[in-house]
Full PDB file with SEQRES, HELIX, SHEET, SSBOND, CRYST1, ORIGX, SCALE, CONECT and MASTER records, all heavy atoms in Angstrom:
SEQRES   1 A   43  PRO GLY LYS GLN ARG GLU LEU VAL ALA HIS ILE THR SER          
SEQRES   2 A   43  GLY GLY SER THR ASN TYR ALA ASP SER VAL LYS GLY ARG          
SEQRES   3 A   43  PHE THR ILE SER ARG ASP ASN ALA LYS ASN THR MET TYR          
SEQRES   4 A   43  LEU GLN MET ASN                                              
HELIX    1 AA1 ASN A   33  LYS A   35  5                                   3    
SHEET    1 AA1 2 ALA A   9  ILE A  11  0                                        
SHEET    2 AA1 2 THR A  17  TYR A  19 -1                                        
SHEET    1 AA2 2 PHE A  27  ASP A  32  0                                        
SHEET    2 AA2 2 THR A  37  MET A  42 -1                                        
CRYST1    1.000    1.000    1.000  90.00  90.00  90.00 P 1           1          
ORIGX1      1.000000  0.000000  0.000000        0.00000                         
ORIGX2      0.000000  1.000000  0.000000        0.00000                         
ORIGX3      0.000000  0.000000  1.000000        0.00000                         
SCALE1      1.000000  0.000000  0.000000        0.00000                         
SCALE2      0.000000  1.000000  0.000000        0.00000                         
SCALE3      0.000000  0.000000  1.000000        0.00000                         
ATOM      1  N   PRO A   1      17.896 -13.320  -1.902  1.00  0.00           N  
ATOM      2  CA  PRO A   1      18.344 -12.596  -3.094  1.00  0.00           C  
ATOM      3  C   PRO A   1      18.057 -13.382  -4.381  1.00  0.00           C  
ATOM      4  O   PRO A   1      18.385 -14.515  -4.486  1.00  0.00           O  
ATOM      5  CB  PRO A   1      19.847 -12.430  -2.907  1.00  0.00           C  
ATOM      6  CG  PRO A   1      20.043 -12.438  -1.390  1.00  0.00           C  
ATOM      7  CD  PRO A   1      19.024 -13.437  -0.935  1.00  0.00           C  
ATOM      8  N   GLY A   2      17.409 -12.697  -5.351  1.00  0.00           N  
ATOM      9  CA  GLY A   2      17.147 -13.285  -6.618  1.00  0.00           C  
ATOM     10  C   GLY A   2      15.919 -14.244  -6.658  1.00  0.00           C  
ATOM     11  O   GLY A   2      15.648 -14.922  -7.646  1.00  0.00           O  
ATOM     12  N   LYS A   3      15.235 -14.390  -5.467  1.00  0.00           N  
ATOM     13  CA  LYS A   3      14.078 -15.290  -5.384  1.00  0.00           C  
ATOM     14  C   LYS A   3      12.859 -14.542  -4.975  1.00  0.00           C  
ATOM     15  O   LYS A   3      12.895 -13.418  -4.457  1.00  0.00           O  
ATOM     16  CB  LYS A   3      14.401 -16.386  -4.389  1.00  0.00           C  
ATOM     17  CG  LYS A   3      15.516 -17.297  -4.796  1.00  0.00           C  
ATOM     18  CD  LYS A   3      15.670 -18.471  -3.825  1.00  0.00           C  
ATOM     19  CE  LYS A   3      16.775 -19.417  -4.206  1.00  0.00           C  
ATOM     20  NZ  LYS A   3      16.851 -20.565  -3.300  1.00  0.00           N  
ATOM     21  N   GLN A   4      11.716 -15.154  -5.295  1.00  0.00           N  
ATOM     22  CA  GLN A   4      10.442 -14.564  -4.850  1.00  0.00           C  
ATOM     23  C   GLN A   4      10.158 -14.771  -3.379  1.00  0.00           C  
ATOM     24  O   GLN A   4      10.715 -15.717  -2.764  1.00  0.00           O  
ATOM     25  CB  GLN A   4       9.321 -15.205  -5.648  1.00  0.00           C  
ATOM     26  CG  GLN A   4       9.311 -14.929  -7.123  1.00  0.00           C  
ATOM     27  CD  GLN A   4       8.090 -15.518  -7.849  1.00  0.00           C  
ATOM     28  OE1 GLN A   4       7.802 -16.658  -7.642  1.00  0.00           O  
ATOM     29  NE2 GLN A   4       7.460 -14.625  -8.713  1.00  0.00           N  
ATOM     30  N   ARG A   5       9.368 -13.864  -2.844  1.00  0.00           N  
ATOM     31  CA  ARG A   5       9.000 -14.047  -1.443  1.00  0.00           C  
ATOM     32  C   ARG A   5       8.099 -15.300  -1.271  1.00  0.00           C  
ATOM     33  O   ARG A   5       7.197 -15.529  -2.083  1.00  0.00           O  
ATOM     34  CB  ARG A   5       8.217 -12.780  -0.995  1.00  0.00           C  
ATOM     35  CG  ARG A   5       7.900 -12.761   0.484  1.00  0.00           C  
ATOM     36  CD  ARG A   5       7.265 -11.473   0.917  1.00  0.00           C  
ATOM     37  NE  ARG A   5       8.166 -10.340   0.671  1.00  0.00           N  
ATOM     38  CZ  ARG A   5       7.892  -9.087   1.014  1.00  0.00           C  
ATOM     39  NH1 ARG A   5       6.764  -8.771   1.598  1.00  0.00           N  
ATOM     40  NH2 ARG A   5       8.710  -8.046   0.710  1.00  0.00           N  
ATOM     41  N   GLU A   6       8.367 -16.016  -0.231  1.00  0.00           N  
ATOM     42  CA  GLU A   6       7.658 -17.273   0.004  1.00  0.00           C  
ATOM     43  C   GLU A   6       7.100 -17.343   1.409  1.00  0.00           C  
ATOM     44  O   GLU A   6       7.677 -16.741   2.368  1.00  0.00           O  
ATOM     45  CB  GLU A   6       8.561 -18.486  -0.219  1.00  0.00           C  
ATOM     46  CG  GLU A   6       9.775 -18.589   0.710  1.00  0.00           C  
ATOM     47  CD  GLU A   6      10.519 -19.868   0.527  1.00  0.00           C  
ATOM     48  OE1 GLU A   6       9.975 -20.816  -0.107  1.00  0.00           O  
ATOM     49  OE2 GLU A   6      11.676 -19.950   1.064  1.00  0.00           O  
ATOM     50  N   LEU A   7       6.037 -18.051   1.538  1.00  0.00           N  
ATOM     51  CA  LEU A   7       5.451 -18.249   2.873  1.00  0.00           C  
ATOM     52  C   LEU A   7       6.267 -19.251   3.650  1.00  0.00           C  
ATOM     53  O   LEU A   7       6.582 -20.352   3.104  1.00  0.00           O  
ATOM     54  CB  LEU A   7       4.044 -18.710   2.773  1.00  0.00           C  
ATOM     55  CG  LEU A   7       3.283 -19.120   4.032  1.00  0.00           C  
ATOM     56  CD1 LEU A   7       3.042 -17.894   4.895  1.00  0.00           C  
ATOM     57  CD2 LEU A   7       1.993 -19.749   3.745  1.00  0.00           C  
ATOM     58  N   VAL A   8       6.604 -18.914   4.853  1.00  0.00           N  
ATOM     59  CA  VAL A   8       7.354 -19.856   5.684  1.00  0.00           C  
ATOM     60  C   VAL A   8       6.470 -20.540   6.679  1.00  0.00           C  
ATOM     61  O   VAL A   8       6.490 -21.754   6.842  1.00  0.00           O  
ATOM     62  CB  VAL A   8       8.502 -19.105   6.407  1.00  0.00           C  
ATOM     63  CG1 VAL A   8       9.204 -19.980   7.415  1.00  0.00           C  
ATOM     64  CG2 VAL A   8       9.480 -18.493   5.437  1.00  0.00           C  
ATOM     65  N   ALA A   9       5.647 -19.784   7.387  1.00  0.00           N  
ATOM     66  CA  ALA A   9       4.764 -20.315   8.404  1.00  0.00           C  
ATOM     67  C   ALA A   9       3.543 -19.417   8.529  1.00  0.00           C  
ATOM     68  O   ALA A   9       3.610 -18.148   8.329  1.00  0.00           O  
ATOM     69  CB  ALA A   9       5.444 -20.427   9.741  1.00  0.00           C  
ATOM     70  N   HIS A  10       2.429 -19.971   8.877  1.00  0.00           N  
ATOM     71  CA  HIS A  10       1.152 -19.208   9.019  1.00  0.00           C  
ATOM     72  C   HIS A  10       0.367 -19.781  10.176  1.00  0.00           C  
ATOM     73  O   HIS A  10       0.351 -20.979  10.409  1.00  0.00           O  
ATOM     74  CB  HIS A  10       0.353 -19.378   7.666  1.00  0.00           C  
ATOM     75  CG  HIS A  10      -0.882 -18.492   7.649  1.00  0.00           C  
ATOM     76  ND1 HIS A  10      -2.094 -18.987   7.999  1.00  0.00           N  
ATOM     77  CD2 HIS A  10      -1.112 -17.224   7.286  1.00  0.00           C  
ATOM     78  CE1 HIS A  10      -3.007 -18.065   7.897  1.00  0.00           C  
ATOM     79  NE2 HIS A  10      -2.414 -16.998   7.478  1.00  0.00           N  
ATOM     80  N   ILE A  11      -0.341 -18.874  10.851  1.00  0.00           N  
ATOM     81  CA  ILE A  11      -1.215 -19.240  11.949  1.00  0.00           C  
ATOM     82  C   ILE A  11      -2.500 -18.457  11.831  1.00  0.00           C  
ATOM     83  O   ILE A  11      -2.541 -17.282  11.606  1.00  0.00           O  
ATOM     84  CB  ILE A  11      -0.568 -19.075  13.300  1.00  0.00           C  
ATOM     85  CG1 ILE A  11      -1.443 -19.550  14.412  1.00  0.00           C  
ATOM     86  CG2 ILE A  11      -0.164 -17.511  13.540  1.00  0.00           C  
ATOM     87  CD1 ILE A  11      -0.683 -19.603  15.806  1.00  0.00           C  
ATOM     88  N   THR A  12      -3.589 -19.178  11.960  1.00  0.00           N  
ATOM     89  CA  THR A  12      -4.916 -18.516  11.810  1.00  0.00           C  
ATOM     90  C   THR A  12      -5.319 -17.969  13.158  1.00  0.00           C  
ATOM     91  O   THR A  12      -4.696 -18.214  14.184  1.00  0.00           O  
ATOM     92  CB  THR A  12      -5.990 -19.499  11.349  1.00  0.00           C  
ATOM     93  OG1 THR A  12      -6.237 -20.508  12.350  1.00  0.00           O  
ATOM     94  CG2 THR A  12      -5.556 -20.297  10.044  1.00  0.00           C  
ATOM     95  N   SER A  13      -6.373 -17.163  13.091  1.00  0.00           N  
ATOM     96  CA  SER A  13      -6.893 -16.619  14.370  1.00  0.00           C  
ATOM     97  C   SER A  13      -7.337 -17.719  15.319  1.00  0.00           C  
ATOM     98  O   SER A  13      -7.360 -17.481  16.514  1.00  0.00           O  
ATOM     99  CB  SER A  13      -8.054 -15.649  14.111  1.00  0.00           C  
ATOM    100  OG  SER A  13      -9.134 -16.335  13.422  1.00  0.00           O  
ATOM    101  N   GLY A  14      -7.684 -18.863  14.784  1.00  0.00           N  
ATOM    102  CA  GLY A  14      -8.115 -19.980  15.582  1.00  0.00           C  
ATOM    103  C   GLY A  14      -6.928 -20.860  16.084  1.00  0.00           C  
ATOM    104  O   GLY A  14      -7.123 -21.763  16.861  1.00  0.00           O  
ATOM    105  N   GLY A  15      -5.746 -20.570  15.639  1.00  0.00           N  
ATOM    106  CA  GLY A  15      -4.564 -21.260  16.125  1.00  0.00           C  
ATOM    107  C   GLY A  15      -4.019 -22.371  15.194  1.00  0.00           C  
ATOM    108  O   GLY A  15      -3.118 -23.041  15.586  1.00  0.00           O  
ATOM    109  N   SER A  16      -4.709 -22.589  14.094  1.00  0.00           N  
ATOM    110  CA  SER A  16      -4.206 -23.593  13.146  1.00  0.00           C  
ATOM    111  C   SER A  16      -2.943 -23.089  12.507  1.00  0.00           C  
ATOM    112  O   SER A  16      -2.790 -21.974  12.051  1.00  0.00           O  
ATOM    113  CB  SER A  16      -5.239 -23.871  12.089  1.00  0.00           C  
ATOM    114  OG  SER A  16      -6.429 -24.467  12.688  1.00  0.00           O  
ATOM    115  N   THR A  17      -1.941 -24.006  12.296  1.00  0.00           N  
ATOM    116  CA  THR A  17      -0.682 -23.638  11.720  1.00  0.00           C  
ATOM    117  C   THR A  17      -0.376 -24.344  10.377  1.00  0.00           C  
ATOM    118  O   THR A  17      -0.923 -25.440  10.166  1.00  0.00           O  
ATOM    119  CB  THR A  17       0.470 -23.862  12.675  1.00  0.00           C  
ATOM    120  OG1 THR A  17       0.496 -25.250  13.053  1.00  0.00           O  
ATOM    121  CG2 THR A  17       0.284 -23.009  13.917  1.00  0.00           C  
ATOM    122  N   ASN A  18       0.423 -23.751   9.609  1.00  0.00           N  
ATOM    123  CA  ASN A  18       0.825 -24.315   8.334  1.00  0.00           C  
ATOM    124  C   ASN A  18       2.299 -23.937   8.113  1.00  0.00           C  
ATOM    125  O   ASN A  18       2.685 -22.743   8.387  1.00  0.00           O  
ATOM    126  CB  ASN A  18      -0.054 -23.847   7.161  1.00  0.00           C  
ATOM    127  CG  ASN A  18       0.284 -24.517   5.886  1.00  0.00           C  
ATOM    128  OD1 ASN A  18       0.440 -25.735   5.784  1.00  0.00           O  
ATOM    129  ND2 ASN A  18       0.327 -23.695   4.827  1.00  0.00           N  
ATOM    130  N   TYR A  19       3.101 -24.859   7.521  1.00  0.00           N  
ATOM    131  CA  TYR A  19       4.504 -24.614   7.275  1.00  0.00           C  
ATOM    132  C   TYR A  19       4.988 -24.980   5.919  1.00  0.00           C  
ATOM    133  O   TYR A  19       4.401 -25.967   5.340  1.00  0.00           O  
ATOM    134  CB  TYR A  19       5.425 -25.356   8.288  1.00  0.00           C  
ATOM    135  CG  TYR A  19       5.166 -25.008   9.740  1.00  0.00           C  
ATOM    136  CD1 TYR A  19       4.233 -25.736  10.495  1.00  0.00           C  
ATOM    137  CD2 TYR A  19       5.914 -23.941  10.347  1.00  0.00           C  
ATOM    138  CE1 TYR A  19       4.017 -25.352  11.826  1.00  0.00           C  
ATOM    139  CE2 TYR A  19       5.694 -23.639  11.676  1.00  0.00           C  
ATOM    140  CZ  TYR A  19       4.725 -24.298  12.390  1.00  0.00           C  
ATOM    141  OH  TYR A  19       4.517 -24.020  13.733  1.00  0.00           O  
ATOM    142  N   ALA A  20       5.878 -24.280   5.384  1.00  0.00           N  
ATOM    143  CA  ALA A  20       6.490 -24.673   4.138  1.00  0.00           C  
ATOM    144  C   ALA A  20       7.273 -25.974   4.381  1.00  0.00           C  
ATOM    145  O   ALA A  20       7.806 -26.240   5.447  1.00  0.00           O  
ATOM    146  CB  ALA A  20       7.537 -23.612   3.647  1.00  0.00           C  
ATOM    147  N   ASP A  21       7.307 -26.827   3.383  1.00  0.00           N  
ATOM    148  CA  ASP A  21       7.897 -28.185   3.500  1.00  0.00           C  
ATOM    149  C   ASP A  21       9.398 -28.023   3.917  1.00  0.00           C  
ATOM    150  O   ASP A  21       9.960 -28.841   4.627  1.00  0.00           O  
ATOM    151  CB  ASP A  21       7.854 -28.930   2.170  1.00  0.00           C  
ATOM    152  CG  ASP A  21       6.460 -29.440   1.930  1.00  0.00           C  
ATOM    153  OD1 ASP A  21       5.629 -29.494   2.857  1.00  0.00           O  
ATOM    154  OD2 ASP A  21       6.145 -29.735   0.734  1.00  0.00           O  
ATOM    155  N   SER A  22      10.034 -27.004   3.421  1.00  0.00           N  
ATOM    156  CA  SER A  22      11.473 -26.795   3.710  1.00  0.00           C  
ATOM    157  C   SER A  22      11.808 -26.530   5.179  1.00  0.00           C  
ATOM    158  O   SER A  22      12.972 -26.678   5.602  1.00  0.00           O  
ATOM    159  CB  SER A  22      12.044 -25.644   2.808  1.00  0.00           C  
ATOM    160  OG  SER A  22      11.383 -24.427   3.059  1.00  0.00           O  
ATOM    161  N   VAL A  23      10.790 -26.035   5.896  1.00  0.00           N  
ATOM    162  CA  VAL A  23      11.083 -25.700   7.302  1.00  0.00           C  
ATOM    163  C   VAL A  23      10.301 -26.575   8.252  1.00  0.00           C  
ATOM    164  O   VAL A  23      10.503 -26.462   9.508  1.00  0.00           O  
ATOM    165  CB  VAL A  23      10.744 -24.210   7.600  1.00  0.00           C  
ATOM    166  CG1 VAL A  23      11.500 -23.325   6.601  1.00  0.00           C  
ATOM    167  CG2 VAL A  23       9.270 -23.968   7.539  1.00  0.00           C  
ATOM    168  N   LYS A  24       9.425 -27.420   7.767  1.00  0.00           N  
ATOM    169  CA  LYS A  24       8.642 -28.309   8.661  1.00  0.00           C  
ATOM    170  C   LYS A  24       9.509 -29.203   9.528  1.00  0.00           C  
ATOM    171  O   LYS A  24      10.429 -29.763   9.105  1.00  0.00           O  
ATOM    172  CB  LYS A  24       7.669 -29.099   7.804  1.00  0.00           C  
ATOM    173  CG  LYS A  24       6.561 -29.795   8.551  1.00  0.00           C  
ATOM    174  CD  LYS A  24       5.576 -30.423   7.586  1.00  0.00           C  
ATOM    175  CE  LYS A  24       4.917 -29.380   6.724  1.00  0.00           C  
ATOM    176  NZ  LYS A  24       3.870 -29.983   5.818  1.00  0.00           N  
ATOM    177  N   GLY A  25       9.161 -29.125  10.825  1.00  0.00           N  
ATOM    178  CA  GLY A  25       9.989 -29.883  11.788  1.00  0.00           C  
ATOM    179  C   GLY A  25      11.123 -29.062  12.417  1.00  0.00           C  
ATOM    180  O   GLY A  25      11.675 -29.490  13.385  1.00  0.00           O  
ATOM    181  N   ARG A  26      11.384 -27.931  11.856  1.00  0.00           N  
ATOM    182  CA  ARG A  26      12.504 -27.086  12.383  1.00  0.00           C  
ATOM    183  C   ARG A  26      12.024 -25.715  12.864  1.00  0.00           C  
ATOM    184  O   ARG A  26      12.582 -25.237  13.838  1.00  0.00           O  
ATOM    185  CB  ARG A  26      13.558 -26.853  11.251  1.00  0.00           C  
ATOM    186  CG  ARG A  26      14.241 -28.106  10.732  1.00  0.00           C  
ATOM    187  CD  ARG A  26      15.387 -27.738   9.705  1.00  0.00           C  
ATOM    188  NE  ARG A  26      14.902 -27.042   8.613  1.00  0.00           N  
ATOM    189  CZ  ARG A  26      15.337 -25.781   8.253  1.00  0.00           C  
ATOM    190  NH1 ARG A  26      16.214 -25.194   9.017  1.00  0.00           N  
ATOM    191  NH2 ARG A  26      14.850 -25.229   7.070  1.00  0.00           N  
ATOM    192  N   PHE A  27      10.954 -25.239  12.248  1.00  0.00           N  
ATOM    193  CA  PHE A  27      10.437 -23.891  12.662  1.00  0.00           C  
ATOM    194  C   PHE A  27       9.119 -24.037  13.348  1.00  0.00           C  
ATOM    195  O   PHE A  27       8.361 -24.909  13.014  1.00  0.00           O  
ATOM    196  CB  PHE A  27      10.218 -23.024  11.448  1.00  0.00           C  
ATOM    197  CG  PHE A  27      11.554 -22.556  10.783  1.00  0.00           C  
ATOM    198  CD1 PHE A  27      12.742 -23.033  11.077  1.00  0.00           C  
ATOM    199  CD2 PHE A  27      11.471 -21.558   9.768  1.00  0.00           C  
ATOM    200  CE1 PHE A  27      13.914 -22.632  10.464  1.00  0.00           C  
ATOM    201  CE2 PHE A  27      12.609 -21.136   9.172  1.00  0.00           C  
ATOM    202  CZ  PHE A  27      13.817 -21.671   9.484  1.00  0.00           C  
ATOM    203  N   THR A  28       8.801 -23.110  14.311  1.00  0.00           N  
ATOM    204  CA  THR A  28       7.569 -23.141  14.955  1.00  0.00           C  
ATOM    205  C   THR A  28       7.010 -21.652  15.031  1.00  0.00           C  
ATOM    206  O   THR A  28       7.712 -20.800  15.514  1.00  0.00           O  
ATOM    207  CB  THR A  28       7.681 -23.695  16.391  1.00  0.00           C  
ATOM    208  OG1 THR A  28       8.156 -25.022  16.351  1.00  0.00           O  
ATOM    209  CG2 THR A  28       6.316 -23.722  17.075  1.00  0.00           C  
ATOM    210  N   ILE A  29       5.758 -21.472  14.589  1.00  0.00           N  
ATOM    211  CA  ILE A  29       5.123 -20.172  14.711  1.00  0.00           C  
ATOM    212  C   ILE A  29       4.201 -20.177  15.891  1.00  0.00           C  
ATOM    213  O   ILE A  29       3.499 -21.180  16.169  1.00  0.00           O  
ATOM    214  CB  ILE A  29       4.406 -19.864  13.417  1.00  0.00           C  
ATOM    215  CG1 ILE A  29       3.862 -18.399  13.428  1.00  0.00           C  
ATOM    216  CG2 ILE A  29       3.243 -20.810  13.186  1.00  0.00           C  
ATOM    217  CD1 ILE A  29       3.305 -17.909  12.128  1.00  0.00           C  
ATOM    218  N   SER A  30       4.198 -19.035  16.624  1.00  0.00           N  
ATOM    219  CA  SER A  30       3.273 -18.934  17.759  1.00  0.00           C  
ATOM    220  C   SER A  30       2.923 -17.506  17.921  1.00  0.00           C  
ATOM    221  O   SER A  30       3.527 -16.572  17.322  1.00  0.00           O  
ATOM    222  CB  SER A  30       3.994 -19.511  19.003  1.00  0.00           C  
ATOM    223  OG  SER A  30       5.150 -18.794  19.356  1.00  0.00           O  
ATOM    224  N   ARG A  31       1.986 -17.261  18.903  1.00  0.00           N  
ATOM    225  CA  ARG A  31       1.648 -15.865  19.175  1.00  0.00           C  
ATOM    226  C   ARG A  31       1.268 -15.703  20.610  1.00  0.00           C  
ATOM    227  O   ARG A  31       0.841 -16.740  21.236  1.00  0.00           O  
ATOM    228  CB  ARG A  31       0.504 -15.379  18.250  1.00  0.00           C  
ATOM    229  CG  ARG A  31      -0.830 -16.060  18.507  1.00  0.00           C  
ATOM    230  CD  ARG A  31      -1.865 -15.507  17.607  1.00  0.00           C  
ATOM    231  NE  ARG A  31      -3.235 -16.027  17.896  1.00  0.00           N  
ATOM    232  CZ  ARG A  31      -4.325 -15.616  17.287  1.00  0.00           C  
ATOM    233  NH1 ARG A  31      -4.267 -14.758  16.279  1.00  0.00           N  
ATOM    234  NH2 ARG A  31      -5.498 -16.186  17.611  1.00  0.00           N  
ATOM    235  N   ASP A  32       1.420 -14.495  21.182  1.00  0.00           N  
ATOM    236  CA  ASP A  32       1.114 -14.159  22.507  1.00  0.00           C  
ATOM    237  C   ASP A  32       0.127 -12.962  22.421  1.00  0.00           C  
ATOM    238  O   ASP A  32       0.533 -11.814  22.199  1.00  0.00           O  
ATOM    239  CB  ASP A  32       2.336 -13.795  23.290  1.00  0.00           C  
ATOM    240  CG  ASP A  32       2.033 -13.602  24.768  1.00  0.00           C  
ATOM    241  OD1 ASP A  32       0.924 -13.233  25.098  1.00  0.00           O  
ATOM    242  OD2 ASP A  32       2.964 -13.818  25.590  1.00  0.00           O  
ATOM    243  N   ASN A  33      -1.134 -13.250  22.589  1.00  0.00           N  
ATOM    244  CA  ASN A  33      -2.136 -12.239  22.384  1.00  0.00           C  
ATOM    245  C   ASN A  33      -1.992 -11.099  23.432  1.00  0.00           C  
ATOM    246  O   ASN A  33      -2.274  -9.917  23.119  1.00  0.00           O  
ATOM    247  CB  ASN A  33      -3.535 -12.833  22.499  1.00  0.00           C  
ATOM    248  CG  ASN A  33      -3.866 -13.661  21.295  1.00  0.00           C  
ATOM    249  OD1 ASN A  33      -3.330 -13.509  20.275  1.00  0.00           O  
ATOM    250  ND2 ASN A  33      -4.817 -14.597  21.520  1.00  0.00           N  
ATOM    251  N   ALA A  34      -1.605 -11.408  24.661  1.00  0.00           N  
ATOM    252  CA  ALA A  34      -1.396 -10.472  25.693  1.00  0.00           C  
ATOM    253  C   ALA A  34      -0.348  -9.445  25.348  1.00  0.00           C  
ATOM    254  O   ALA A  34      -0.432  -8.320  25.781  1.00  0.00           O  
ATOM    255  CB  ALA A  34      -1.149 -11.111  27.041  1.00  0.00           C  
ATOM    256  N   LYS A  35       0.648  -9.878  24.629  1.00  0.00           N  
ATOM    257  CA  LYS A  35       1.730  -9.009  24.282  1.00  0.00           C  
ATOM    258  C   LYS A  35       1.645  -8.476  22.823  1.00  0.00           C  
ATOM    259  O   LYS A  35       2.494  -7.745  22.345  1.00  0.00           O  
ATOM    260  CB  LYS A  35       3.063  -9.733  24.389  1.00  0.00           C  
ATOM    261  CG  LYS A  35       3.436 -10.174  25.817  1.00  0.00           C  
ATOM    262  CD  LYS A  35       4.726 -10.859  25.855  1.00  0.00           C  
ATOM    263  CE  LYS A  35       5.110 -11.284  27.269  1.00  0.00           C  
ATOM    264  NZ  LYS A  35       6.410 -11.995  27.349  1.00  0.00           N  
ATOM    265  N   ASN A  36       0.613  -8.824  22.124  1.00  0.00           N  
ATOM    266  CA  ASN A  36       0.406  -8.445  20.713  1.00  0.00           C  
ATOM    267  C   ASN A  36       1.601  -8.768  19.912  1.00  0.00           C  
ATOM    268  O   ASN A  36       2.051  -7.929  19.089  1.00  0.00           O  
ATOM    269  CB  ASN A  36       0.028  -6.950  20.641  1.00  0.00           C  
ATOM    270  CG  ASN A  36      -1.266  -6.600  21.213  1.00  0.00           C  
ATOM    271  OD1 ASN A  36      -2.284  -7.337  20.982  1.00  0.00           O  
ATOM    272  ND2 ASN A  36      -1.378  -5.507  21.929  1.00  0.00           N  
ATOM    273  N   THR A  37       2.123  -9.927  20.095  1.00  0.00           N  
ATOM    274  CA  THR A  37       3.384 -10.333  19.456  1.00  0.00           C  
ATOM    275  C   THR A  37       3.302 -11.756  18.940  1.00  0.00           C  
ATOM    276  O   THR A  37       2.661 -12.636  19.609  1.00  0.00           O  
ATOM    277  CB  THR A  37       4.532 -10.264  20.521  1.00  0.00           C  
ATOM    278  OG1 THR A  37       4.628  -8.898  20.933  1.00  0.00           O  
ATOM    279  CG2 THR A  37       5.870 -10.589  19.795  1.00  0.00           C  
ATOM    280  N   MET A  38       3.868 -11.972  17.798  1.00  0.00           N  
ATOM    281  CA  MET A  38       3.998 -13.381  17.255  1.00  0.00           C  
ATOM    282  C   MET A  38       5.482 -13.723  17.105  1.00  0.00           C  
ATOM    283  O   MET A  38       6.320 -12.821  17.010  1.00  0.00           O  
ATOM    284  CB  MET A  38       3.205 -13.610  16.016  1.00  0.00           C  
ATOM    285  CG  MET A  38       3.821 -12.993  14.790  1.00  0.00           C  
ATOM    286  SD  MET A  38       2.980 -13.631  13.283  1.00  0.00           S  
ATOM    287  CE  MET A  38       3.796 -12.637  12.038  1.00  0.00           C  
ATOM    288  N   TYR A  39       5.777 -14.975  17.064  1.00  0.00           N  
ATOM    289  CA  TYR A  39       7.152 -15.446  17.096  1.00  0.00           C  
ATOM    290  C   TYR A  39       7.372 -16.478  16.016  1.00  0.00           C  
ATOM    291  O   TYR A  39       6.446 -17.190  15.538  1.00  0.00           O  
ATOM    292  CB  TYR A  39       7.514 -16.035  18.410  1.00  0.00           C  
ATOM    293  CG  TYR A  39       7.247 -15.127  19.582  1.00  0.00           C  
ATOM    294  CD1 TYR A  39       6.048 -15.233  20.286  1.00  0.00           C  
ATOM    295  CD2 TYR A  39       8.180 -14.191  19.983  1.00  0.00           C  
ATOM    296  CE1 TYR A  39       5.759 -14.370  21.355  1.00  0.00           C  
ATOM    297  CE2 TYR A  39       7.957 -13.428  21.116  1.00  0.00           C  
ATOM    298  CZ  TYR A  39       6.749 -13.511  21.764  1.00  0.00           C  
ATOM    299  OH  TYR A  39       6.510 -12.648  22.817  1.00  0.00           O  
ATOM    300  N   LEU A  40       8.627 -16.645  15.620  1.00  0.00           N  
ATOM    301  CA  LEU A  40       9.044 -17.724  14.747  1.00  0.00           C  
ATOM    302  C   LEU A  40      10.345 -18.309  15.383  1.00  0.00           C  
ATOM    303  O   LEU A  40      11.350 -17.636  15.323  1.00  0.00           O  
ATOM    304  CB  LEU A  40       9.325 -17.229  13.295  1.00  0.00           C  
ATOM    305  CG  LEU A  40       9.702 -18.358  12.309  1.00  0.00           C  
ATOM    306  CD1 LEU A  40       8.547 -19.268  12.081  1.00  0.00           C  
ATOM    307  CD2 LEU A  40      10.189 -17.751  11.039  1.00  0.00           C  
ATOM    308  N   GLN A  41      10.179 -19.453  16.002  1.00  0.00           N  
ATOM    309  CA  GLN A  41      11.357 -20.109  16.523  1.00  0.00           C  
ATOM    310  C   GLN A  41      11.974 -20.938  15.433  1.00  0.00           C  
ATOM    311  O   GLN A  41      11.318 -21.814  14.824  1.00  0.00           O  
ATOM    312  CB  GLN A  41      10.900 -21.032  17.670  1.00  0.00           C  
ATOM    313  CG  GLN A  41      12.066 -21.816  18.290  1.00  0.00           C  
ATOM    314  CD  GLN A  41      13.044 -20.964  19.031  1.00  0.00           C  
ATOM    315  OE1 GLN A  41      12.684 -20.078  19.782  1.00  0.00           O  
ATOM    316  NE2 GLN A  41      14.367 -21.208  18.725  1.00  0.00           N  
ATOM    317  N   MET A  42      13.221 -20.694  15.113  1.00  0.00           N  
ATOM    318  CA  MET A  42      13.944 -21.358  14.076  1.00  0.00           C  
ATOM    319  C   MET A  42      15.077 -22.170  14.669  1.00  0.00           C  
ATOM    320  O   MET A  42      16.008 -21.603  15.217  1.00  0.00           O  
ATOM    321  CB  MET A  42      14.490 -20.335  13.051  1.00  0.00           C  
ATOM    322  CG  MET A  42      13.451 -19.396  12.485  1.00  0.00           C  
ATOM    323  SD  MET A  42      14.041 -18.262  11.211  1.00  0.00           S  
ATOM    324  CE  MET A  42      15.210 -17.289  12.202  1.00  0.00           C  
ATOM    325  N   ASN A  43      15.045 -23.459  14.513  1.00  0.00           N  
ATOM    326  CA  ASN A  43      16.067 -24.401  14.967  1.00  0.00           C  
ATOM    327  C   ASN A  43      16.712 -25.142  13.799  1.00  0.00           C  
ATOM    328  O   ASN A  43      16.210 -25.121  12.634  1.00  0.00           O  
ATOM    329  CB  ASN A  43      15.481 -25.457  15.888  1.00  0.00           C  
ATOM    330  CG  ASN A  43      14.877 -24.870  17.112  1.00  0.00           C  
ATOM    331  OD1 ASN A  43      15.320 -23.861  17.675  1.00  0.00           O  
ATOM    332  ND2 ASN A  43      13.738 -25.405  17.603  1.00  0.00           N  
TER     333      ASN A  43                                                      
MASTER        0    0    0    1    4    0    0    6  332    1    0    4          
END                                                                             
């Protein structure tokens, strides 16, 4: 609320990942091509 939308995590078609500094080490982005689904694990 009251803030701009920000990128949290990104994954390229080749599998390279990038994370915002605020979530690095805590969040993990992944995808399952067979299920046409991507995930964000937040710890």
